Amino acid sequence: MMPKAPEGMTLMTEAADRFNMERDGGDRGFNGLTFPMVDFAAKNDLAWLKELWTLTTSGQRRKVVEAKQQVELKASHLGIRARSADEMRMSLECCMPDIKPPYVIDQPFLLAITRPGLSLPLFAAHLTPECWKDPGDFGA
């Protein structure tokens, strides 16, 4: 059972009161408001945070190697509780070489496949984001 909702967290009561009020002088034709009870939980992988880094106060580099999130929402006639927790695992990199990031093609581009001895490309295509997807198994 959930503990009593804190002061100011009377969402369901306020919503029911507002729903029962006449709007623009007309009756809405309802008597009350019923919310469903909710017990929701989700765990999310925050992989997009991997490789982010920060510096410690002594200048050493720390890199995110794993990041996760847990979200919970519970609602009943007693109130609503929402919780979220993030967890990150970081590594301390003491001898990190200065690695340049890769060049990322993030705009439409022209692809040409050539072969020595030919004056024209064997294949040429203008490739846009609509076709940027995993091709799966080539079947070779």
N, C-alpha and C. Protein backbone atom coordinates (compact mmCIF):
# COMPACT_ATOMS: atom_id res chain seq x y z
N MET A 1 0.84 -1.18 0.00
CA MET A 1 0.00 0.00 0.00
C MET A 1 0.88 1.24 0.00
N MET A 2 0.49 2.22 -0.79
CA MET A 2 1.26 3.45 -0.87
C MET A 2 0.98 4.33 0.33
N PRO A 3 1.99 5.07 0.82
CA PRO A 3 1.75 6.02 1.90
C PRO A 3 0.87 7.16 1.42
N LYS A 4 0.34 7.92 2.37
CA LYS A 4 -0.53 9.04 2.04
C LYS A 4 0.21 10.04 1.15
N ALA A 5 -0.50 10.56 0.15
CA ALA A 5 0.10 11.54 -0.77
C ALA A 5 0.48 12.79 -0.01
N PRO A 6 1.62 13.38 -0.31
CA PRO A 6 2.05 14.61 0.36
C PRO A 6 1.11 15.78 0.05
N GLU A 7 1.16 16.80 0.89
CA GLU A 7 0.36 18.01 0.67
C GLU A 7 0.62 18.55 -0.73
N GLY A 8 -0.41 19.02 -1.38
CA GLY A 8 -0.25 19.60 -2.70
C GLY A 8 -0.26 18.58 -3.82
N MET A 9 -0.38 17.30 -3.50
CA MET A 9 -0.34 16.26 -4.52
C MET A 9 -1.72 15.61 -4.66
N THR A 10 -2.75 16.39 -4.62
CA THR A 10 -4.12 15.87 -4.69
C THR A 10 -4.65 16.01 -6.11
N LEU A 11 -3.91 15.49 -7.06
CA LEU A 11 -4.24 15.62 -8.48
C LEU A 11 -5.62 15.05 -8.80
N MET A 12 -5.90 13.85 -8.32
CA MET A 12 -7.16 13.21 -8.68
C MET A 12 -8.36 13.98 -8.14
N THR A 13 -8.26 14.46 -6.92
CA THR A 13 -9.37 15.22 -6.33
C THR A 13 -9.57 16.52 -7.08
N GLU A 14 -8.48 17.23 -7.37
CA GLU A 14 -8.58 18.49 -8.11
C GLU A 14 -9.17 18.26 -9.50
N ALA A 15 -8.72 17.20 -10.18
CA ALA A 15 -9.21 16.91 -11.52
C ALA A 15 -10.71 16.62 -11.47
N ALA A 16 -11.14 15.83 -10.48
CA ALA A 16 -12.56 15.50 -10.36
C ALA A 16 -13.37 16.75 -10.08
N ASP A 17 -12.88 17.62 -9.19
CA ASP A 17 -13.59 18.86 -8.87
C ASP A 17 -13.72 19.73 -10.12
N ARG A 18 -12.65 19.87 -10.88
CA ARG A 18 -12.68 20.71 -12.08
C ARG A 18 -13.57 20.10 -13.15
N PHE A 19 -13.59 18.78 -13.24
CA PHE A 19 -14.38 18.11 -14.26
C PHE A 19 -15.87 18.27 -13.98
N ASN A 20 -16.24 18.32 -12.70
CA ASN A 20 -17.64 18.46 -12.33
C ASN A 20 -18.15 19.89 -12.45
N MET A 21 -17.25 20.85 -12.51
CA MET A 21 -17.68 22.25 -12.62
C MET A 21 -18.34 22.49 -13.96
N GLU A 22 -19.31 23.32 -13.96
CA GLU A 22 -19.95 23.69 -15.21
C GLU A 22 -19.01 24.60 -15.99
N ARG A 23 -18.91 24.36 -17.27
CA ARG A 23 -18.04 25.16 -18.12
C ARG A 23 -18.91 25.91 -19.11
N ASP A 24 -18.66 27.17 -19.21
CA ASP A 24 -19.43 28.02 -20.13
C ASP A 24 -20.93 27.90 -19.88
N GLY A 25 -21.32 27.67 -18.62
CA GLY A 25 -22.74 27.62 -18.26
C GLY A 25 -23.43 26.33 -18.66
N GLY A 26 -22.69 25.33 -19.20
CA GLY A 26 -23.33 24.09 -19.62
C GLY A 26 -22.94 22.92 -18.73
N ASP A 27 -23.82 21.93 -18.64
CA ASP A 27 -23.56 20.73 -17.84
C ASP A 27 -22.85 19.71 -18.74
N ARG A 28 -21.79 19.10 -18.25
CA ARG A 28 -21.03 18.14 -19.06
C ARG A 28 -21.70 16.77 -19.11
N GLY A 29 -22.65 16.50 -18.25
CA GLY A 29 -23.34 15.23 -18.29
C GLY A 29 -22.62 14.10 -17.58
N PHE A 30 -21.63 14.42 -16.74
CA PHE A 30 -20.92 13.40 -15.97
C PHE A 30 -21.02 13.73 -14.50
N ASN A 31 -20.92 12.73 -13.69
CA ASN A 31 -20.93 12.91 -12.24
C ASN A 31 -19.67 12.27 -11.68
N GLY A 32 -18.59 12.97 -11.69
CA GLY A 32 -17.34 12.44 -11.14
C GLY A 32 -16.33 12.11 -12.23
N LEU A 33 -15.20 11.60 -11.79
CA LEU A 33 -14.10 11.26 -12.68
C LEU A 33 -13.41 10.04 -12.10
N THR A 34 -13.15 9.02 -12.92
CA THR A 34 -12.50 7.80 -12.45
C THR A 34 -11.19 7.62 -13.20
N PHE A 35 -10.08 7.54 -12.46
CA PHE A 35 -8.78 7.26 -13.03
C PHE A 35 -8.49 5.77 -12.86
N PRO A 36 -7.79 5.15 -13.81
CA PRO A 36 -7.39 3.76 -13.60
C PRO A 36 -6.24 3.70 -12.60
N MET A 37 -6.14 2.61 -11.86
CA MET A 37 -4.97 2.41 -11.00
C MET A 37 -3.82 2.00 -11.91
N VAL A 38 -2.61 2.40 -11.57
CA VAL A 38 -1.44 2.17 -12.42
C VAL A 38 -0.30 1.61 -11.59
N ASP A 39 0.37 0.59 -12.13
CA ASP A 39 1.60 0.06 -11.55
C ASP A 39 2.54 -0.16 -12.73
N PHE A 40 3.36 0.85 -13.05
CA PHE A 40 4.22 0.84 -14.23
C PHE A 40 5.68 0.85 -13.79
N ALA A 41 6.49 0.02 -14.43
CA ALA A 41 7.93 0.01 -14.18
C ALA A 41 8.64 -0.27 -15.50
N ALA A 42 9.75 0.41 -15.72
CA ALA A 42 10.54 0.20 -16.94
C ALA A 42 12.01 0.37 -16.61
N LYS A 43 12.82 -0.42 -17.29
CA LYS A 43 14.27 -0.28 -17.19
C LYS A 43 14.77 0.07 -18.58
N ASN A 44 15.56 1.13 -18.66
CA ASN A 44 16.05 1.62 -19.94
C ASN A 44 17.57 1.57 -19.98
N ASP A 45 18.10 1.19 -21.13
CA ASP A 45 19.54 1.22 -21.36
C ASP A 45 19.87 2.59 -21.94
N LEU A 46 20.72 3.33 -21.27
CA LEU A 46 21.10 4.66 -21.74
C LEU A 46 22.43 4.59 -22.49
N ALA A 47 22.49 3.70 -23.47
CA ALA A 47 23.73 3.47 -24.21
C ALA A 47 24.25 4.72 -24.90
N TRP A 48 23.38 5.67 -25.19
CA TRP A 48 23.82 6.89 -25.87
C TRP A 48 24.76 7.72 -24.98
N LEU A 49 24.81 7.41 -23.68
CA LEU A 49 25.74 8.12 -22.79
C LEU A 49 27.14 7.53 -22.80
N LYS A 50 27.29 6.32 -23.36
CA LYS A 50 28.61 5.68 -23.38
C LYS A 50 29.60 6.56 -24.13
N GLU A 51 30.80 6.52 -23.68
CA GLU A 51 31.92 7.27 -24.26
C GLU A 51 31.93 8.75 -23.87
N LEU A 52 30.90 9.24 -23.17
CA LEU A 52 30.99 10.60 -22.63
C LEU A 52 32.06 10.59 -21.54
N TRP A 53 32.72 11.69 -21.35
CA TRP A 53 33.77 11.72 -20.34
C TRP A 53 33.79 13.05 -19.62
N THR A 54 34.46 13.04 -18.49
CA THR A 54 34.65 14.24 -17.68
C THR A 54 36.03 14.17 -17.05
N LEU A 55 36.47 15.26 -16.47
CA LEU A 55 37.76 15.29 -15.81
C LEU A 55 37.55 15.36 -14.31
N THR A 56 38.39 14.62 -13.57
CA THR A 56 38.36 14.70 -12.12
C THR A 56 39.02 16.00 -11.69
N THR A 57 38.94 16.33 -10.42
CA THR A 57 39.56 17.56 -9.93
C THR A 57 41.08 17.53 -10.10
N SER A 58 41.66 16.32 -10.20
CA SER A 58 43.11 16.21 -10.41
C SER A 58 43.47 16.15 -11.89
N GLY A 59 42.46 16.25 -12.78
CA GLY A 59 42.75 16.28 -14.21
C GLY A 59 42.71 14.94 -14.90
N GLN A 60 42.41 13.85 -14.16
CA GLN A 60 42.32 12.54 -14.79
C GLN A 60 40.97 12.42 -15.50
N ARG A 61 40.97 11.65 -16.57
CA ARG A 61 39.77 11.50 -17.38
C ARG A 61 38.94 10.29 -16.92
N ARG A 62 37.63 10.50 -16.76
CA ARG A 62 36.70 9.41 -16.45
C ARG A 62 35.72 9.30 -17.60
N LYS A 63 35.48 8.04 -18.03
CA LYS A 63 34.62 7.79 -19.18
C LYS A 63 33.44 6.91 -18.74
N VAL A 64 32.23 7.22 -19.25
CA VAL A 64 31.05 6.41 -18.97
C VAL A 64 31.16 5.12 -19.78
N VAL A 65 31.10 3.96 -19.10
CA VAL A 65 31.16 2.68 -19.80
C VAL A 65 29.81 1.96 -19.77
N GLU A 66 28.91 2.36 -18.86
CA GLU A 66 27.58 1.76 -18.80
C GLU A 66 26.64 2.75 -18.12
N ALA A 67 25.42 2.85 -18.64
CA ALA A 67 24.43 3.74 -18.04
C ALA A 67 23.04 3.12 -18.18
N LYS A 68 22.29 3.11 -17.07
CA LYS A 68 20.94 2.52 -17.05
C LYS A 68 20.00 3.45 -16.30
N GLN A 69 18.71 3.27 -16.55
CA GLN A 69 17.69 4.07 -15.88
C GLN A 69 16.55 3.14 -15.48
N GLN A 70 15.97 3.41 -14.31
CA GLN A 70 14.79 2.69 -13.86
C GLN A 70 13.71 3.71 -13.55
N VAL A 71 12.51 3.49 -14.09
CA VAL A 71 11.39 4.42 -13.93
C VAL A 71 10.23 3.64 -13.32
N GLU A 72 9.52 4.29 -12.39
CA GLU A 72 8.38 3.66 -11.74
C GLU A 72 7.27 4.68 -11.56
N LEU A 73 6.05 4.26 -11.84
CA LEU A 73 4.88 5.11 -11.63
C LEU A 73 3.80 4.25 -11.00
N LYS A 74 3.26 4.71 -9.88
CA LYS A 74 2.17 4.02 -9.19
C LYS A 74 1.08 5.04 -8.93
N ALA A 75 -0.18 4.65 -9.18
CA ALA A 75 -1.30 5.55 -8.94
C ALA A 75 -2.48 4.73 -8.43
N SER A 76 -3.16 5.26 -7.42
CA SER A 76 -4.38 4.65 -6.89
C SER A 76 -5.23 5.77 -6.31
N HIS A 77 -6.29 5.39 -5.59
CA HIS A 77 -7.14 6.39 -4.96
C HIS A 77 -6.39 7.15 -3.85
N LEU A 78 -5.24 6.63 -3.44
CA LEU A 78 -4.45 7.28 -2.39
C LEU A 78 -3.54 8.38 -2.92
N GLY A 79 -3.22 8.33 -4.21
CA GLY A 79 -2.33 9.34 -4.78
C GLY A 79 -1.47 8.77 -5.90
N ILE A 80 -0.45 9.53 -6.27
CA ILE A 80 0.45 9.15 -7.36
C ILE A 80 1.88 9.26 -6.87
N ARG A 81 2.71 8.28 -7.25
CA ARG A 81 4.14 8.35 -6.94
C ARG A 81 4.90 8.02 -8.21
N ALA A 82 5.82 8.90 -8.58
CA ALA A 82 6.69 8.68 -9.73
C ALA A 82 8.12 8.72 -9.23
N ARG A 83 8.91 7.75 -9.67
CA ARG A 83 10.32 7.70 -9.29
C ARG A 83 11.16 7.38 -10.53
N SER A 84 12.36 7.91 -10.54
CA SER A 84 13.30 7.61 -11.60
C SER A 84 14.69 7.59 -11.00
N ALA A 85 15.47 6.59 -11.37
CA ALA A 85 16.84 6.50 -10.88
C ALA A 85 17.76 6.18 -12.05
N ASP A 86 18.88 6.86 -12.10
CA ASP A 86 19.89 6.61 -13.13
C ASP A 86 21.13 6.02 -12.46
N GLU A 87 21.79 5.16 -13.19
CA GLU A 87 23.00 4.52 -12.68
C GLU A 87 24.04 4.53 -13.78
N MET A 88 25.26 4.94 -13.43
CA MET A 88 26.34 4.97 -14.41
C MET A 88 27.57 4.31 -13.82
N ARG A 89 28.26 3.57 -14.68
CA ARG A 89 29.54 2.99 -14.30
C ARG A 89 30.58 3.71 -15.14
N MET A 90 31.63 4.19 -14.47
CA MET A 90 32.66 4.96 -15.16
C MET A 90 34.01 4.29 -14.96
N SER A 91 34.90 4.51 -15.91
CA SER A 91 36.26 4.00 -15.76
C SER A 91 37.22 5.19 -15.71
N LEU A 92 38.25 5.03 -14.91
CA LEU A 92 39.29 6.05 -14.80
C LEU A 92 40.38 5.70 -15.81
N GLU A 93 40.65 6.62 -16.70
CA GLU A 93 41.63 6.36 -17.75
C GLU A 93 42.91 7.13 -17.42
N CYS A 94 43.91 6.40 -17.01
CA CYS A 94 45.15 7.06 -16.58
C CYS A 94 46.11 7.32 -17.74
N CYS A 95 46.08 6.49 -18.74
CA CYS A 95 47.02 6.63 -19.86
C CYS A 95 46.26 6.70 -21.17
N MET A 96 45.32 7.58 -21.25
CA MET A 96 44.45 7.69 -22.41
C MET A 96 45.16 8.45 -23.53
N PRO A 97 45.43 7.76 -24.67
CA PRO A 97 46.03 8.49 -25.78
C PRO A 97 45.01 9.45 -26.38
N ASP A 98 45.48 10.48 -27.01
CA ASP A 98 44.60 11.46 -27.63
C ASP A 98 44.10 10.87 -28.94
N ILE A 99 42.88 10.32 -28.91
CA ILE A 99 42.31 9.67 -30.08
C ILE A 99 41.36 10.64 -30.77
N LYS A 100 41.56 10.81 -32.06
CA LYS A 100 40.69 11.69 -32.82
C LYS A 100 39.36 10.98 -33.10
N PRO A 101 38.26 11.70 -33.06
CA PRO A 101 36.96 11.07 -33.36
C PRO A 101 36.86 10.76 -34.85
N PRO A 102 36.01 9.80 -35.24
CA PRO A 102 35.85 9.51 -36.67
C PRO A 102 35.09 10.63 -37.36
N TYR A 103 35.29 10.74 -38.64
CA TYR A 103 34.51 11.69 -39.43
C TYR A 103 33.16 11.03 -39.68
N VAL A 104 32.08 11.69 -39.35
CA VAL A 104 30.74 11.11 -39.47
C VAL A 104 30.02 11.76 -40.65
N ILE A 105 29.58 10.93 -41.57
CA ILE A 105 28.78 11.43 -42.70
C ILE A 105 27.34 11.46 -42.22
N ASP A 106 26.79 12.65 -42.08
CA ASP A 106 25.42 12.80 -41.58
C ASP A 106 24.56 13.65 -42.50
N GLN A 107 24.95 13.70 -43.77
CA GLN A 107 24.20 14.43 -44.77
C GLN A 107 24.16 13.57 -46.04
N PRO A 108 23.21 13.81 -46.93
CA PRO A 108 23.18 13.05 -48.18
C PRO A 108 24.54 13.12 -48.88
N PHE A 109 24.90 12.02 -49.56
CA PHE A 109 26.21 11.98 -50.21
C PHE A 109 26.13 11.22 -51.53
N LEU A 110 27.13 11.42 -52.36
CA LEU A 110 27.24 10.75 -53.65
C LEU A 110 28.24 9.62 -53.50
N LEU A 111 27.83 8.40 -53.87
CA LEU A 111 28.71 7.23 -53.81
C LEU A 111 29.03 6.82 -55.24
N ALA A 112 30.30 6.62 -55.52
CA ALA A 112 30.72 6.16 -56.85
C ALA A 112 31.67 4.98 -56.68
N ILE A 113 31.37 3.89 -57.36
CA ILE A 113 32.25 2.71 -57.34
C ILE A 113 33.00 2.71 -58.67
N THR A 114 34.32 2.77 -58.57
CA THR A 114 35.16 2.85 -59.78
C THR A 114 36.02 1.61 -59.92
N ARG A 115 36.61 1.48 -61.10
CA ARG A 115 37.52 0.37 -61.35
C ARG A 115 38.66 0.90 -62.22
N PRO A 116 39.88 0.54 -61.87
CA PRO A 116 41.01 1.01 -62.70
C PRO A 116 40.82 0.60 -64.16
N GLY A 117 41.11 1.52 -65.04
CA GLY A 117 41.03 1.26 -66.48
C GLY A 117 39.69 1.67 -67.09
N LEU A 118 38.67 1.96 -66.26
CA LEU A 118 37.40 2.42 -66.80
C LEU A 118 37.31 3.93 -66.68
N SER A 119 36.75 4.56 -67.70
CA SER A 119 36.67 6.02 -67.68
C SER A 119 35.46 6.52 -66.88
N LEU A 120 34.44 5.67 -66.68
CA LEU A 120 33.25 6.04 -65.93
C LEU A 120 33.08 5.10 -64.73
N PRO A 121 32.40 5.55 -63.69
CA PRO A 121 32.15 4.65 -62.54
C PRO A 121 31.27 3.46 -62.95
N LEU A 122 31.48 2.33 -62.26
CA LEU A 122 30.62 1.16 -62.47
C LEU A 122 29.23 1.42 -61.90
N PHE A 123 29.20 2.20 -60.82
CA PHE A 123 27.93 2.49 -60.13
C PHE A 123 28.04 3.85 -59.49
N ALA A 124 26.94 4.62 -59.54
CA ALA A 124 26.90 5.92 -58.87
C ALA A 124 25.50 6.11 -58.31
N ALA A 125 25.43 6.67 -57.09
CA ALA A 125 24.12 6.89 -56.47
C ALA A 125 24.20 8.07 -55.51
N HIS A 126 23.10 8.82 -55.44
CA HIS A 126 22.95 9.89 -54.45
C HIS A 126 22.17 9.27 -53.30
N LEU A 127 22.80 9.11 -52.13
CA LEU A 127 22.20 8.40 -51.00
C LEU A 127 21.73 9.37 -49.93
N THR A 128 20.44 9.29 -49.57
CA THR A 128 19.82 10.17 -48.59
C THR A 128 19.47 9.38 -47.32
N PRO A 129 19.16 10.07 -46.22
CA PRO A 129 18.87 9.37 -44.96
C PRO A 129 17.77 8.33 -45.05
N GLU A 130 16.86 8.42 -45.99
CA GLU A 130 15.78 7.44 -46.12
C GLU A 130 16.31 6.03 -46.36
N CYS A 131 17.49 5.89 -46.95
CA CYS A 131 18.03 4.56 -47.22
C CYS A 131 19.16 4.17 -46.26
N TRP A 132 19.41 4.97 -45.24
CA TRP A 132 20.47 4.65 -44.29
C TRP A 132 19.89 3.70 -43.24
N LYS A 133 20.05 2.41 -43.45
CA LYS A 133 19.58 1.41 -42.49
C LYS A 133 20.42 0.16 -42.64
N ASP A 134 20.33 -0.70 -41.66
CA ASP A 134 21.09 -1.96 -41.66
C ASP A 134 20.57 -2.84 -42.80
N PRO A 135 21.42 -3.27 -43.73
CA PRO A 135 20.96 -4.08 -44.83
C PRO A 135 20.74 -5.54 -44.44
N GLY A 136 21.09 -5.92 -43.23
CA GLY A 136 20.93 -7.31 -42.80
C GLY A 136 22.01 -8.18 -43.44
N ASP A 137 21.71 -9.45 -43.57
CA ASP A 137 22.65 -10.42 -44.14
C ASP A 137 22.70 -10.24 -45.66
N PHE A 138 23.91 -10.19 -46.21
CA PHE A 138 24.07 -10.04 -47.65
C PHE A 138 23.77 -11.35 -48.39
N GLY A 139 23.72 -12.45 -47.64
CA GLY A 139 23.44 -13.74 -48.28
C GLY A 139 24.57 -14.27 -49.12
N ALA A 140 25.79 -13.81 -48.88
CA ALA A 140 26.94 -14.26 -49.68
C ALA A 140 27.54 -15.53 -49.13
